[in-house]
Amino acid sequence: MMRFAGLRVAVLLALWSAPVHAHELDPGFLDVSRLAGDTWRVFWKVPQAGGQPMNLAVVLPDNCTPREAPGAPRFDGRSFVWQWLVSCPNGIAGGTIAVRGLELTRTDVLIRFEAELGRVQSHRLTPSQTAFIVPQSPGAWGVFATYVSLGVTHILEGVDHLLFVFALLLLIRNWRTLLGAVTSFTVAHSLSLAAATLGWIVVPAPPVEAIIALSIMFLAAEQARPAGVGLRLTERFPWLVSFAFGLLHGLGFARALLNIGLPEGEVPLALFGFNVGVEIGQLLFIVAVMATAALLRRLYPALVAAVATRGRPGRTLMGYAIGSIAAFWFVARVAVF
């Protein structure tokens, strides 16, 4: 009876997760590059929603003509893109760039711009801050802070990455072993993130996303393994398993960073800031999970024991639930091929 109940819950969770993708909304991206004199080239990329561009409109400074995107966009397979030239007498420094409609969404917009020829700067707009005044010079701190914020946002919105970390927390109970596994995962994804972002390795996005889902399925199978059949691979080689899968997840982080873009002349700093942000977001998630577990252990000790103890129905049910969600993602991502 418990087996069929577990199966029903797993199926329901998989169906509930059906509309959820790893990164449901990519960030918008605006690039304002100076060509010569008073002429700038504008590249405006808007995420899709239901097969249509999200209802976002960029508004350039008052002295620019035209201030908004003209004509219809083209679809690049993932987002809708506009490109056009604008004339901005006296430059864009001191002017206001805004994104109309951003306050009604859950996504962000990264803006790269050249207030001075050859000096690329970055700024991030959010639903709570939909406009900013173009500064003359940002300084290194501005670039670093922007990409730290992007890294935190990316990991906290990356449901697949968080589900992997959650499954790892369930599998490894010893805190010293867990610390080593998380450190190994961090080192691995930092290496592959840097290598892929700098162009040292190039891997298509769909296979990477599919294998990330497969890595979660592997941990789910480890969860559901019955007691009395020996140590699981994750228990025997936790650091090795974490390192191998960390390399794969780092490629996923790199794809997101490449979609956002890196500021010219500040690539190492932006890359470091993004990685720091990912680590901050990951640690925040781990602390939240452990604090919740501690609270539940005090309020519902039997429930926590059922989930934490190998071979118990709760642990098996958790494995089926995680595996069902990851299997759905895997099939959906393979279909993208």
C-alpha atoms as a PDB file:
ATOM      1  CA  MET A   1       0.000   0.000   0.000  1.00  0.00           C
ATOM      2  CA  MET A   2       2.839   2.360   0.890  1.00  0.00           C
ATOM      3  CA  ARG A   3       4.456   1.652  -2.483  1.00  0.00           C
ATOM      4  CA  PHE A   4       1.343   2.741  -4.399  1.00  0.00           C
ATOM      5  CA  ALA A   5       0.877   5.788  -2.177  1.00  0.00           C
ATOM      6  CA  GLY A   6       4.479   6.777  -2.799  1.00  0.00           C
ATOM      7  CA  LEU A   7       4.015   6.316  -6.520  1.00  0.00           C
ATOM      8  CA  ARG A   8       0.925   8.535  -6.528  1.00  0.00           C
ATOM      9  CA  VAL A   9       2.728  11.300  -4.640  1.00  0.00           C
ATOM     10  CA  ALA A  10       5.723  11.078  -6.973  1.00  0.00           C
ATOM     11  CA  VAL A  11       3.489  11.354 -10.040  1.00  0.00           C
ATOM     12  CA  LEU A  12       1.647  14.317  -8.560  1.00  0.00           C
ATOM     13  CA  LEU A  13       4.915  16.073  -7.798  1.00  0.00           C
ATOM     14  CA  ALA A  14       6.147  15.451 -11.324  1.00  0.00           C
ATOM     15  CA  LEU A  15       2.950  16.907 -12.766  1.00  0.00           C
ATOM     16  CA  TRP A  16       3.180  19.860 -10.400  1.00  0.00           C
ATOM     17  CA  SER A  17       6.713  20.511 -11.637  1.00  0.00           C
ATOM     18  CA  ALA A  18       5.680  20.254 -15.305  1.00  0.00           C
ATOM     19  CA  PRO A  19       5.487  23.991 -15.940  1.00  0.00           C
ATOM     20  CA  VAL A  20       8.670  24.591 -13.950  1.00  0.00           C
ATOM     21  CA  HIS A  21      11.925  24.830 -15.882  1.00  0.00           C
ATOM     22  CA  ALA A  22      15.415  25.149 -14.473  1.00  0.00           C
ATOM     23  CA  HIS A  23      15.585  28.824 -15.396  1.00  0.00           C
ATOM     24  CA  GLU A  24      12.051  29.701 -16.347  1.00  0.00           C
ATOM     25  CA  LEU A  25      12.800  33.301 -17.230  1.00  0.00           C
ATOM     26  CA  ASP A  26      16.128  34.286 -18.718  1.00  0.00           C
ATOM     27  CA  PRO A  27      17.207  37.842 -17.964  1.00  0.00           C
ATOM     28  CA  GLY A  28      16.678  40.570 -20.524  1.00  0.00           C
ATOM     29  CA  PHE A  29      19.808  42.083 -22.020  1.00  0.00           C
ATOM     30  CA  LEU A  30      20.508  45.575 -23.372  1.00  0.00           C
ATOM     31  CA  ASP A  31      23.771  46.595 -25.008  1.00  0.00           C
ATOM     32  CA  VAL A  32      24.364  50.261 -25.965  1.00  0.00           C
ATOM     33  CA  SER A  33      27.699  50.490 -27.820  1.00  0.00           C
ATOM     34  CA  ARG A  34      29.218  53.720 -29.065  1.00  0.00           C
ATOM     35  CA  LEU A  35      30.189  53.696 -32.753  1.00  0.00           C
ATOM     36  CA  ALA A  36      31.412  57.181 -33.638  1.00  0.00           C
ATOM     37  CA  GLY A  37      30.440  60.737 -32.794  1.00  0.00           C
ATOM     38  CA  ASP A  38      26.860  60.851 -31.551  1.00  0.00           C
ATOM     39  CA  THR A  39      25.910  57.407 -32.908  1.00  0.00           C
ATOM     40  CA  TRP A  40      25.277  54.329 -30.745  1.00  0.00           C
ATOM     41  CA  ARG A  41      24.295  50.788 -31.705  1.00  0.00           C
ATOM     42  CA  VAL A  42      21.537  49.263 -29.541  1.00  0.00           C
ATOM     43  CA  PHE A  43      21.001  45.524 -29.030  1.00  0.00           C
ATOM     44  CA  TRP A  44      17.875  44.652 -27.037  1.00  0.00           C
ATOM     45  CA  LYS A  45      17.038  41.031 -26.112  1.00  0.00           C
ATOM     46  CA  VAL A  46      13.753  40.136 -24.422  1.00  0.00           C
ATOM     47  CA  PRO A  47      12.883  36.701 -22.941  1.00  0.00           C
ATOM     48  CA  GLN A  48       9.922  34.850 -24.393  1.00  0.00           C
ATOM     49  CA  ALA A  49       6.721  34.070 -22.519  1.00  0.00           C
ATOM     50  CA  GLY A  50       4.236  31.738 -24.155  1.00  0.00           C
ATOM     51  CA  GLY A  51       5.954  32.047 -27.528  1.00  0.00           C
ATOM     52  CA  GLN A  52       5.773  35.859 -27.487  1.00  0.00           C
ATOM     53  CA  PRO A  53       8.248  38.505 -26.296  1.00  0.00           C
ATOM     54  CA  MET A  54       7.669  39.579 -22.712  1.00  0.00           C
ATOM     55  CA  ASN A  55       5.915  42.910 -22.457  1.00  0.00           C
ATOM     56  CA  LEU A  56       9.104  44.890 -21.823  1.00  0.00           C
ATOM     57  CA  ALA A  57      10.163  48.092 -23.561  1.00  0.00           C
ATOM     58  CA  VAL A  58      13.523  49.811 -23.192  1.00  0.00           C
ATOM     59  CA  VAL A  59      13.435  53.617 -22.993  1.00  0.00           C
ATOM     60  CA  LEU A  60      16.706  55.417 -23.766  1.00  0.00           C
ATOM     61  CA  PRO A  61      17.757  58.890 -22.503  1.00  0.00           C
ATOM     62  CA  ASP A  62      15.748  61.948 -23.622  1.00  0.00           C
ATOM     63  CA  ASN A  63      18.437  63.154 -26.037  1.00  0.00           C
ATOM     64  CA  CYS A  64      18.476  59.854 -28.002  1.00  0.00           C
ATOM     65  CA  THR A  65      16.497  59.285 -31.203  1.00  0.00           C
ATOM     66  CA  PRO A  66      14.690  56.925 -31.445  1.00  0.00           C
ATOM     67  CA  ARG A  67      14.264  56.250 -27.747  1.00  0.00           C
ATOM     68  CA  GLU A  68      12.442  52.919 -28.156  1.00  0.00           C
ATOM     69  CA  ALA A  69      12.913  49.839 -30.343  1.00  0.00           C
ATOM     70  CA  PRO A  70      11.536  50.323 -33.866  1.00  0.00           C
ATOM     71  CA  GLY A  71       9.885  47.585 -35.934  1.00  0.00           C
ATOM     72  CA  ALA A  72       9.350  43.917 -35.138  1.00  0.00           C
ATOM     73  CA  PRO A  73      11.906  41.683 -33.397  1.00  0.00           C
ATOM     74  CA  ARG A  74      13.515  38.518 -34.709  1.00  0.00           C
ATOM     75  CA  PHE A  75      13.450  35.250 -32.770  1.00  0.00           C
ATOM     76  CA  ASP A  76      16.888  33.705 -32.159  1.00  0.00           C
ATOM     77  CA  GLY A  77      15.581  30.368 -30.873  1.00  0.00           C
ATOM     78  CA  ARG A  78      15.382  31.448 -27.240  1.00  0.00           C
ATOM     79  CA  SER A  79      14.675  35.186 -27.058  1.00  0.00           C
ATOM     80  CA  PHE A  80      13.340  38.052 -29.172  1.00  0.00           C
ATOM     81  CA  VAL A  81      15.945  40.534 -30.419  1.00  0.00           C
ATOM     82  CA  TRP A  82      15.913  44.093 -31.735  1.00  0.00           C
ATOM     83  CA  GLN A  83      18.923  45.971 -33.176  1.00  0.00           C
ATOM     84  CA  TRP A  84      18.975  49.585 -34.252  1.00  0.00           C
ATOM     85  CA  LEU A  85      21.090  52.749 -34.384  1.00  0.00           C
ATOM     86  CA  VAL A  86      20.387  55.846 -32.307  1.00  0.00           C
ATOM     87  CA  SER A  87      21.700  59.391 -32.279  1.00  0.00           C
ATOM     88  CA  CYS A  88      22.468  60.779 -28.813  1.00  0.00           C
ATOM     89  CA  PRO A  89      23.931  64.320 -29.025  1.00  0.00           C
ATOM     90  CA  ASN A  90      26.146  65.094 -26.006  1.00  0.00           C
ATOM     91  CA  GLY A  91      26.319  61.377 -25.118  1.00  0.00           C
ATOM     92  CA  ILE A  92      24.327  59.186 -22.754  1.00  0.00           C
ATOM     93  CA  ALA A  93      26.180  59.937 -19.487  1.00  0.00           C
ATOM     94  CA  GLY A  94      23.774  61.589 -17.053  1.00  0.00           C
ATOM     95  CA  GLY A  95      20.744  60.343 -18.982  1.00  0.00           C
ATOM     96  CA  THR A  96      18.191  57.814 -17.728  1.00  0.00           C
ATOM     97  CA  ILE A  97      17.738  54.318 -19.160  1.00  0.00           C
ATOM     98  CA  ALA A  98      14.524  52.559 -18.126  1.00  0.00           C
ATOM     99  CA  VAL A  99      12.699  49.313 -18.883  1.00  0.00           C
ATOM    100  CA  ARG A 100       8.950  49.818 -18.965  1.00  0.00           C
ATOM    101  CA  GLY A 101       6.908  46.840 -17.739  1.00  0.00           C
ATOM    102  CA  LEU A 102       9.775  45.289 -15.751  1.00  0.00           C
ATOM    103  CA  GLU A 103       7.936  45.951 -12.495  1.00  0.00           C
ATOM    104  CA  LEU A 104       5.240  43.471 -13.571  1.00  0.00           C
ATOM    105  CA  THR A 105       7.657  40.559 -14.084  1.00  0.00           C
ATOM    106  CA  ARG A 106       9.972  38.305 -12.058  1.00  0.00           C
ATOM    107  CA  THR A 107      12.987  38.700 -14.336  1.00  0.00           C
ATOM    108  CA  ASP A 108      15.951  41.070 -14.467  1.00  0.00           C
ATOM    109  CA  VAL A 109      17.630  43.071 -17.204  1.00  0.00           C
ATOM    110  CA  LEU A 110      21.402  43.373 -17.510  1.00  0.00           C
ATOM    111  CA  ILE A 111      22.579  46.534 -19.253  1.00  0.00           C
ATOM    112  CA  ARG A 112      25.995  47.023 -20.851  1.00  0.00           C
ATOM    113  CA  PHE A 113      26.812  50.475 -22.126  1.00  0.00           C
ATOM    114  CA  GLU A 114      29.645  52.753 -23.227  1.00  0.00           C
ATOM    115  CA  ALA A 115      29.379  56.215 -21.734  1.00  0.00           C
ATOM    116  CA  GLU A 116      32.940  56.674 -22.998  1.00  0.00           C
ATOM    117  CA  LEU A 117      34.330  55.049 -26.138  1.00  0.00           C
ATOM    118  CA  GLY A 118      36.058  51.790 -25.215  1.00  0.00           C
ATOM    119  CA  ARG A 119      34.933  51.929 -21.560  1.00  0.00           C
ATOM    120  CA  VAL A 120      32.238  49.247 -21.100  1.00  0.00           C
ATOM    121  CA  GLN A 121      30.119  49.414 -17.948  1.00  0.00           C
ATOM    122  CA  SER A 122      27.363  47.222 -16.553  1.00  0.00           C
ATOM    123  CA  HIS A 123      24.209  47.734 -14.535  1.00  0.00           C
ATOM    124  CA  ARG A 124      21.368  45.462 -13.454  1.00  0.00           C
ATOM    125  CA  LEU A 125      17.717  46.463 -13.360  1.00  0.00           C
ATOM    126  CA  THR A 126      15.130  44.530 -11.332  1.00  0.00           C
ATOM    127  CA  PRO A 127      11.344  44.691 -10.839  1.00  0.00           C
ATOM    128  CA  SER A 128      12.010  46.949  -7.846  1.00  0.00           C
ATOM    129  CA  GLN A 129      14.448  49.196  -9.747  1.00  0.00           C
ATOM    130  CA  THR A 130      13.356  49.702 -13.342  1.00  0.00           C
ATOM    131  CA  ALA A 131      15.528  52.709 -14.267  1.00  0.00           C
ATOM    132  CA  PHE A 132      18.945  54.188 -13.557  1.00  0.00           C
ATOM    133  CA  ILE A 133      21.026  57.244 -14.386  1.00  0.00           C
ATOM    134  CA  VAL A 134      24.011  56.440 -16.614  1.00  0.00           C
ATOM    135  CA  PRO A 135      27.205  57.210 -14.669  1.00  0.00           C
ATOM    136  CA  GLN A 136      30.391  58.549 -16.235  1.00  0.00           C
ATOM    137  CA  SER A 137      32.663  55.944 -14.632  1.00  0.00           C
ATOM    138  CA  PRO A 138      31.547  52.883 -12.619  1.00  0.00           C
ATOM    139  CA  GLY A 139      34.733  51.722 -10.920  1.00  0.00           C
ATOM    140  CA  ALA A 140      35.647  48.109 -10.262  1.00  0.00           C
ATOM    141  CA  TRP A 141      33.302  47.838  -7.289  1.00  0.00           C
ATOM    142  CA  GLY A 142      30.246  48.531  -9.455  1.00  0.00           C
ATOM    143  CA  VAL A 143      31.140  45.706 -11.855  1.00  0.00           C
ATOM    144  CA  PHE A 144      31.875  43.286  -9.015  1.00  0.00           C
ATOM    145  CA  ALA A 145      28.655  44.086  -7.124  1.00  0.00           C
ATOM    146  CA  THR A 146      26.540  43.719 -10.269  1.00  0.00           C
ATOM    147  CA  TYR A 147      27.850  40.247 -11.076  1.00  0.00           C
ATOM    148  CA  VAL A 148      27.713  39.065  -7.452  1.00  0.00           C
ATOM    149  CA  SER A 149      24.032  39.978  -7.478  1.00  0.00           C
ATOM    150  CA  LEU A 150      23.534  38.157 -10.789  1.00  0.00           C
ATOM    151  CA  GLY A 151      25.230  35.034  -9.389  1.00  0.00           C
ATOM    152  CA  VAL A 152      23.035  34.990  -6.274  1.00  0.00           C
ATOM    153  CA  THR A 153      19.893  35.465  -8.352  1.00  0.00           C
ATOM    154  CA  HIS A 154      20.872  32.769 -10.825  1.00  0.00           C
ATOM    155  CA  ILE A 155      21.519  30.044  -8.250  1.00  0.00           C
ATOM    156  CA  LEU A 156      18.422  30.837  -6.179  1.00  0.00           C
ATOM    157  CA  GLU A 157      16.254  30.709  -9.322  1.00  0.00           C
ATOM    158  CA  GLY A 158      18.004  27.568 -10.617  1.00  0.00           C
ATOM    159  CA  VAL A 159      15.620  24.929  -9.288  1.00  0.00           C
ATOM    160  CA  ASP A 160      17.631  22.059 -10.774  1.00  0.00           C
ATOM    161  CA  HIS A 161      20.899  23.132  -9.106  1.00  0.00           C
ATOM    162  CA  LEU A 162      19.142  23.601  -5.767  1.00  0.00           C
ATOM    163  CA  LEU A 163      17.424  20.212  -6.046  1.00  0.00           C
ATOM    164  CA  PHE A 164      20.825  18.586  -6.620  1.00  0.00           C
ATOM    165  CA  VAL A 165      22.252  20.258  -3.502  1.00  0.00           C
ATOM    166  CA  PHE A 166      19.140  19.273  -1.529  1.00  0.00           C
ATOM    167  CA  ALA A 167      19.518  15.615  -2.560  1.00  0.00           C
ATOM    168  CA  LEU A 168      23.178  15.762  -1.561  1.00  0.00           C
ATOM    169  CA  LEU A 169      22.204  17.103   1.874  1.00  0.00           C
ATOM    170  CA  LEU A 170      19.791  14.208   2.349  1.00  0.00           C
ATOM    171  CA  LEU A 171      22.371  11.602   1.379  1.00  0.00           C
ATOM    172  CA  ILE A 172      25.321  12.796   3.472  1.00  0.00           C
ATOM    173  CA  ARG A 173      24.566  13.007   7.174  1.00  0.00           C
ATOM    174  CA  ASN A 174      28.073  13.549   8.616  1.00  0.00           C
ATOM    175  CA  TRP A 175      28.782  17.281   8.620  1.00  0.00           C
ATOM    176  CA  ARG A 176      32.529  16.882   7.976  1.00  0.00           C
ATOM    177  CA  THR A 177      31.868  14.673   4.959  1.00  0.00           C
ATOM    178  CA  LEU A 178      29.160  17.079   3.816  1.00  0.00           C
ATOM    179  CA  LEU A 179      31.553  20.025   4.097  1.00  0.00           C
ATOM    180  CA  GLY A 180      34.100  18.182   1.981  1.00  0.00           C
ATOM    181  CA  ALA A 181      31.482  17.223  -0.624  1.00  0.00           C
ATOM    182  CA  VAL A 182      30.150  20.777  -0.903  1.00  0.00           C
ATOM    183  CA  THR A 183      33.707  22.135  -1.163  1.00  0.00           C
ATOM    184  CA  SER A 184      34.490  19.609  -3.894  1.00  0.00           C
ATOM    185  CA  PHE A 185      31.319  20.594  -5.753  1.00  0.00           C
ATOM    186  CA  THR A 186      32.276  24.277  -5.438  1.00  0.00           C
ATOM    187  CA  VAL A 187      35.835  23.792  -6.714  1.00  0.00           C
ATOM    188  CA  ALA A 188      34.623  21.724  -9.669  1.00  0.00           C
ATOM    189  CA  HIS A 189      31.919  24.078 -10.877  1.00  0.00           C
ATOM    190  CA  SER A 190      34.247  27.064 -10.404  1.00  0.00           C
ATOM    191  CA  LEU A 191      36.786  25.422 -12.725  1.00  0.00           C
ATOM    192  CA  SER A 192      34.311  24.468 -15.455  1.00  0.00           C
ATOM    193  CA  LEU A 193      32.516  27.827 -15.155  1.00  0.00           C
ATOM    194  CA  ALA A 194      35.765  29.696 -15.791  1.00  0.00           C
ATOM    195  CA  ALA A 195      36.891  27.360 -18.591  1.00  0.00           C
ATOM    196  CA  ALA A 196      33.578  27.553 -20.470  1.00  0.00           C
ATOM    197  CA  THR A 197      33.125  31.306 -19.981  1.00  0.00           C
ATOM    198  CA  LEU A 198      36.628  32.055 -21.248  1.00  0.00           C
ATOM    199  CA  GLY A 199      36.044  29.831 -24.290  1.00  0.00           C
ATOM    200  CA  TRP A 200      38.553  27.129 -23.387  1.00  0.00           C
ATOM    201  CA  ILE A 201      35.836  24.488 -23.737  1.00  0.00           C
ATOM    202  CA  VAL A 202      32.643  24.759 -25.780  1.00  0.00           C
ATOM    203  CA  VAL A 203      29.681  22.485 -25.043  1.00  0.00           C
ATOM    204  CA  PRO A 204      26.151  22.945 -26.485  1.00  0.00           C
ATOM    205  CA  ALA A 205      23.588  23.988 -23.882  1.00  0.00           C
ATOM    206  CA  PRO A 206      20.858  21.309 -24.384  1.00  0.00           C
ATOM    207  CA  PRO A 207      23.091  18.277 -23.619  1.00  0.00           C
ATOM    208  CA  VAL A 208      24.504  20.027 -20.544  1.00  0.00           C
ATOM    209  CA  GLU A 209      21.030  20.797 -19.191  1.00  0.00           C
ATOM    210  CA  ALA A 210      19.912  17.201 -19.863  1.00  0.00           C
ATOM    211  CA  ILE A 211      22.929  15.718 -18.055  1.00  0.00           C
ATOM    212  CA  ILE A 212      22.331  18.026 -15.083  1.00  0.00           C
ATOM    213  CA  ALA A 213      18.830  16.540 -14.811  1.00  0.00           C
ATOM    214  CA  LEU A 214      20.404  13.074 -15.110  1.00  0.00           C
ATOM    215  CA  SER A 215      22.744  13.866 -12.198  1.00  0.00           C
ATOM    216  CA  ILE A 216      19.698  14.600 -10.019  1.00  0.00           C
ATOM    217  CA  MET A 217      18.135  11.295 -11.127  1.00  0.00           C
ATOM    218  CA  PHE A 218      21.318   9.520 -10.003  1.00  0.00           C
ATOM    219  CA  LEU A 219      21.114  11.029  -6.510  1.00  0.00           C
ATOM    220  CA  ALA A 220      17.394  10.184  -6.382  1.00  0.00           C
ATOM    221  CA  ALA A 221      18.203   6.537  -7.154  1.00  0.00           C
ATOM    222  CA  GLU A 222      20.754   6.614  -4.335  1.00  0.00           C
ATOM    223  CA  GLN A 223      18.012   7.948  -2.035  1.00  0.00           C
ATOM    224  CA  ALA A 224      15.571   5.178  -2.911  1.00  0.00           C
ATOM    225  CA  ARG A 225      18.101   2.356  -2.547  1.00  0.00           C
ATOM    226  CA  PRO A 226      16.909  -0.042   0.179  1.00  0.00           C
ATOM    227  CA  ALA A 227      18.824  -0.704   3.390  1.00  0.00           C
ATOM    228  CA  GLY A 228      21.088  -3.735   3.678  1.00  0.00           C
ATOM    229  CA  VAL A 229      22.579  -3.639   0.174  1.00  0.00           C
ATOM    230  CA  GLY A 230      25.897  -2.049   1.036  1.00  0.00           C
ATOM    231  CA  LEU A 231      27.162   1.518   0.866  1.00  0.00           C
ATOM    232  CA  ARG A 232      26.000   3.665  -1.997  1.00  0.00           C
ATOM    233  CA  LEU A 233      28.478   5.227  -4.398  1.00  0.00           C
ATOM    234  CA  THR A 234      27.797   8.655  -2.891  1.00  0.00           C
ATOM    235  CA  GLU A 235      28.587   7.294   0.571  1.00  0.00           C
ATOM    236  CA  ARG A 236      31.796   5.565  -0.553  1.00  0.00           C
ATOM    237  CA  PHE A 237      33.174   8.392  -2.714  1.00  0.00           C
ATOM    238  CA  PRO A 238      31.251  11.579  -1.755  1.00  0.00           C
ATOM    239  CA  TRP A 239      33.971  14.022  -2.826  1.00  0.00           C
ATOM    240  CA  LEU A 240      34.535  12.286  -6.163  1.00  0.00           C
ATOM    241  CA  VAL A 241      30.819  12.185  -6.996  1.00  0.00           C
ATOM    242  CA  SER A 242      30.409  15.848  -5.996  1.00  0.00           C
ATOM    243  CA  PHE A 243      33.425  16.900  -8.062  1.00  0.00           C
ATOM    244  CA  ALA A 244      32.281  15.046 -11.197  1.00  0.00           C
ATOM    245  CA  PHE A 245      28.781  16.470 -11.084  1.00  0.00           C
ATOM    246  CA  GLY A 246      30.121  19.890 -10.082  1.00  0.00           C
ATOM    247  CA  LEU A 247      31.961  20.068 -13.405  1.00  0.00           C
ATOM    248  CA  LEU A 248      28.657  19.513 -15.223  1.00  0.00           C
ATOM    249  CA  HIS A 249      26.765  22.083 -13.167  1.00  0.00           C
ATOM    250  CA  GLY A 250      29.540  24.612 -13.767  1.00  0.00           C
ATOM    251  CA  LEU A 251      28.911  24.302 -17.513  1.00  0.00           C
ATOM    252  CA  GLY A 252      25.275  25.175 -16.826  1.00  0.00           C
ATOM    253  CA  PHE A 253      26.327  28.244 -14.830  1.00  0.00           C
ATOM    254  CA  ALA A 254      28.640  29.256 -17.684  1.00  0.00           C
ATOM    255  CA  ARG A 255      25.820  29.077 -20.228  1.00  0.00           C
ATOM    256  CA  ALA A 256      23.754  31.473 -18.123  1.00  0.00           C
ATOM    257  CA  LEU A 257      26.717  33.836 -17.758  1.00  0.00           C
ATOM    258  CA  LEU A 258      27.431  33.775 -21.493  1.00  0.00           C
ATOM    259  CA  ASN A 259      23.775  34.611 -22.177  1.00  0.00           C
ATOM    260  CA  ILE A 260      24.093  37.596 -19.845  1.00  0.00           C
ATOM    261  CA  GLY A 261      27.424  38.745 -21.267  1.00  0.00           C
ATOM    262  CA  LEU A 262      30.661  40.004 -19.720  1.00  0.00           C
ATOM    263  CA  PRO A 263      31.976  43.585 -19.726  1.00  0.00           C
ATOM    264  CA  GLU A 264      35.005  44.132 -21.935  1.00  0.00           C
ATOM    265  CA  GLY A 265      38.138  44.862 -19.939  1.00  0.00           C
ATOM    266  CA  GLU A 266      36.547  43.540 -16.732  1.00  0.00           C
ATOM    267  CA  VAL A 267      36.090  39.852 -17.613  1.00  0.00           C
ATOM    268  CA  PRO A 268      38.152  38.342 -14.722  1.00  0.00           C
ATOM    269  CA  LEU A 269      36.472  40.600 -12.147  1.00  0.00           C
ATOM    270  CA  ALA A 270      32.975  39.912 -13.498  1.00  0.00           C
ATOM    271  CA  LEU A 271      33.647  36.168 -13.633  1.00  0.00           C
ATOM    272  CA  PHE A 272      34.942  36.182 -10.059  1.00  0.00           C
ATOM    273  CA  GLY A 273      31.968  38.225  -8.870  1.00  0.00           C
ATOM    274  CA  PHE A 274      29.461  35.889 -10.546  1.00  0.00           C
ATOM    275  CA  ASN A 275      31.135  32.855  -8.960  1.00  0.00           C
ATOM    276  CA  VAL A 276      31.121  34.524  -5.536  1.00  0.00           C
ATOM    277  CA  GLY A 277      27.422  35.238  -5.994  1.00  0.00           C
ATOM    278  CA  VAL A 278      26.720  31.603  -6.880  1.00  0.00           C
ATOM    279  CA  GLU A 279      28.532  30.474  -3.717  1.00  0.00           C
ATOM    280  CA  ILE A 280      26.664  32.981  -1.552  1.00  0.00           C
ATOM    281  CA  GLY A 281      23.330  31.793  -2.963  1.00  0.00           C
ATOM    282  CA  GLN A 282      24.287  28.147  -2.483  1.00  0.00           C
ATOM    283  CA  LEU A 283      25.320  28.731   1.148  1.00  0.00           C
ATOM    284  CA  LEU A 284      22.095  30.645   1.832  1.00  0.00           C
ATOM    285  CA  PHE A 285      20.121  27.681   0.513  1.00  0.00           C
ATOM    286  CA  ILE A 286      22.092  25.152   2.598  1.00  0.00           C
ATOM    287  CA  VAL A 287      21.649  27.238   5.762  1.00  0.00           C
ATOM    288  CA  ALA A 288      17.907  27.567   5.075  1.00  0.00           C
ATOM    289  CA  VAL A 289      17.523  23.798   4.571  1.00  0.00           C
ATOM    290  CA  MET A 290      19.487  22.938   7.716  1.00  0.00           C
ATOM    291  CA  ALA A 291      17.585  25.508   9.802  1.00  0.00           C
ATOM    292  CA  THR A 292      14.271  24.133   8.532  1.00  0.00           C
ATOM    293  CA  ALA A 293      15.398  20.576   9.299  1.00  0.00           C
ATOM    294  CA  ALA A 294      16.393  21.584  12.837  1.00  0.00           C
ATOM    295  CA  LEU A 295      12.999  23.193  13.393  1.00  0.00           C
ATOM    296  CA  LEU A 296      11.114  20.183  12.022  1.00  0.00           C
ATOM    297  CA  ARG A 297      13.237  17.858  14.149  1.00  0.00           C
ATOM    298  CA  ARG A 298      11.945  19.636  17.238  1.00  0.00           C
ATOM    299  CA  LEU A 299       8.322  19.838  16.086  1.00  0.00           C
ATOM    300  CA  TYR A 300       7.936  16.569  14.158  1.00  0.00           C
ATOM    301  CA  PRO A 301      10.803  14.229  15.121  1.00  0.00           C
ATOM    302  CA  ALA A 302       9.073  11.127  13.711  1.00  0.00           C
ATOM    303  CA  LEU A 303       8.647  12.787  10.298  1.00  0.00           C
ATOM    304  CA  VAL A 304      12.310  13.824  10.135  1.00  0.00           C
ATOM    305  CA  ALA A 305      13.437  10.353  11.188  1.00  0.00           C
ATOM    306  CA  ALA A 306      11.281   8.788   8.449  1.00  0.00           C
ATOM    307  CA  VAL A 307      12.942  10.953   5.793  1.00  0.00           C
ATOM    308  CA  ALA A 308      16.480  10.856   7.187  1.00  0.00           C
ATOM    309  CA  THR A 309      16.738   7.111   7.866  1.00  0.00           C
ATOM    310  CA  ARG A 310      17.825   4.901   5.024  1.00  0.00           C
ATOM    311  CA  GLY A 311      15.262   2.246   4.043  1.00  0.00           C
ATOM    312  CA  ARG A 312      12.336   4.026   5.730  1.00  0.00           C
ATOM    313  CA  PRO A 313       9.220   4.749   3.610  1.00  0.00           C
ATOM    314  CA  GLY A 314       9.745   8.500   3.886  1.00  0.00           C
ATOM    315  CA  ARG A 315      13.263   8.288   2.437  1.00  0.00           C
ATOM    316  CA  THR A 316      12.052   6.053  -0.404  1.00  0.00           C
ATOM    317  CA  LEU A 317       9.153   8.401  -1.128  1.00  0.00           C
ATOM    318  CA  MET A 318      11.531  11.375  -1.197  1.00  0.00           C
ATOM    319  CA  GLY A 319      13.767   9.549  -3.673  1.00  0.00           C
ATOM    320  CA  TYR A 320      10.815   8.805  -5.975  1.00  0.00           C
ATOM    321  CA  ALA A 321       9.602  12.406  -5.780  1.00  0.00           C
ATOM    322  CA  ILE A 322      13.009  13.914  -6.606  1.00  0.00           C
ATOM    323  CA  GLY A 323      13.607  11.333  -9.324  1.00  0.00           C
ATOM    324  CA  SER A 324      10.219  11.966 -10.948  1.00  0.00           C
ATOM    325  CA  ILE A 325      10.836  15.695 -11.180  1.00  0.00           C
ATOM    326  CA  ALA A 326      14.352  15.183 -12.576  1.00  0.00           C
ATOM    327  CA  ALA A 327      13.103  12.551 -15.057  1.00  0.00           C
ATOM    328  CA  PHE A 328      10.534  14.988 -16.396  1.00  0.00           C
ATOM    329  CA  TRP A 329      13.234  17.630 -16.863  1.00  0.00           C
ATOM    330  CA  PHE A 330      15.498  15.087 -18.557  1.00  0.00           C
ATOM    331  CA  VAL A 331      12.854  14.044 -21.100  1.00  0.00           C
ATOM    332  CA  ALA A 332      11.877  17.653 -21.779  1.00  0.00           C
ATOM    333  CA  ARG A 333      15.495  18.713 -22.308  1.00  0.00           C
ATOM    334  CA  VAL A 334      16.328  15.762 -24.555  1.00  0.00           C
ATOM    335  CA  ALA A 335      13.284  16.721 -26.643  1.00  0.00           C
ATOM    336  CA  VAL A 336      14.952  20.103 -27.256  1.00  0.00           C
ATOM    337  CA  PHE A 337      17.741  18.322 -29.156  1.00  0.00           C
END
